[in-house]
Amino acid sequence: AWGVMIVIGFVTYLFFRTKKWR
């Protein structure tokens, strides 16, 4: 269960990073 939370957090981090980069 905690694995899913980490994956979601990582994806959100990358998503935000990509949005800021753009």
Protein backbone atom coordinates (compact mmCIF):
# COMPACT_ATOMS: atom_id res chain seq x y z
CA ALA A 1 0.00 0.00 0.00
CA TRP A 2 2.81 2.42 0.90
CA GLY A 3 4.44 1.60 -2.43
CA VAL A 4 1.50 3.12 -4.30
CA MET A 5 1.75 6.32 -2.25
CA ILE A 6 5.44 6.65 -3.11
CA VAL A 7 4.75 6.10 -6.81
CA ILE A 8 1.94 8.68 -6.81
CA GLY A 9 4.14 11.18 -4.97
CA PHE A 10 7.01 10.59 -7.40
CA VAL A 11 4.73 11.01 -10.43
CA THR A 12 3.26 14.21 -8.95
CA TYR A 13 6.79 15.52 -8.31
CA LEU A 14 7.83 14.84 -11.90
CA PHE A 15 4.58 16.33 -13.21
CA PHE A 16 5.09 19.53 -11.22
CA ARG A 17 8.75 19.67 -12.24
CA THR A 18 7.82 19.31 -15.91
CA LYS A 19 5.15 22.01 -15.59
CA LYS A 20 7.64 24.39 -13.98
CA TRP A 21 10.26 23.54 -16.59
CA ARG A 22 7.90 24.35 -19.44
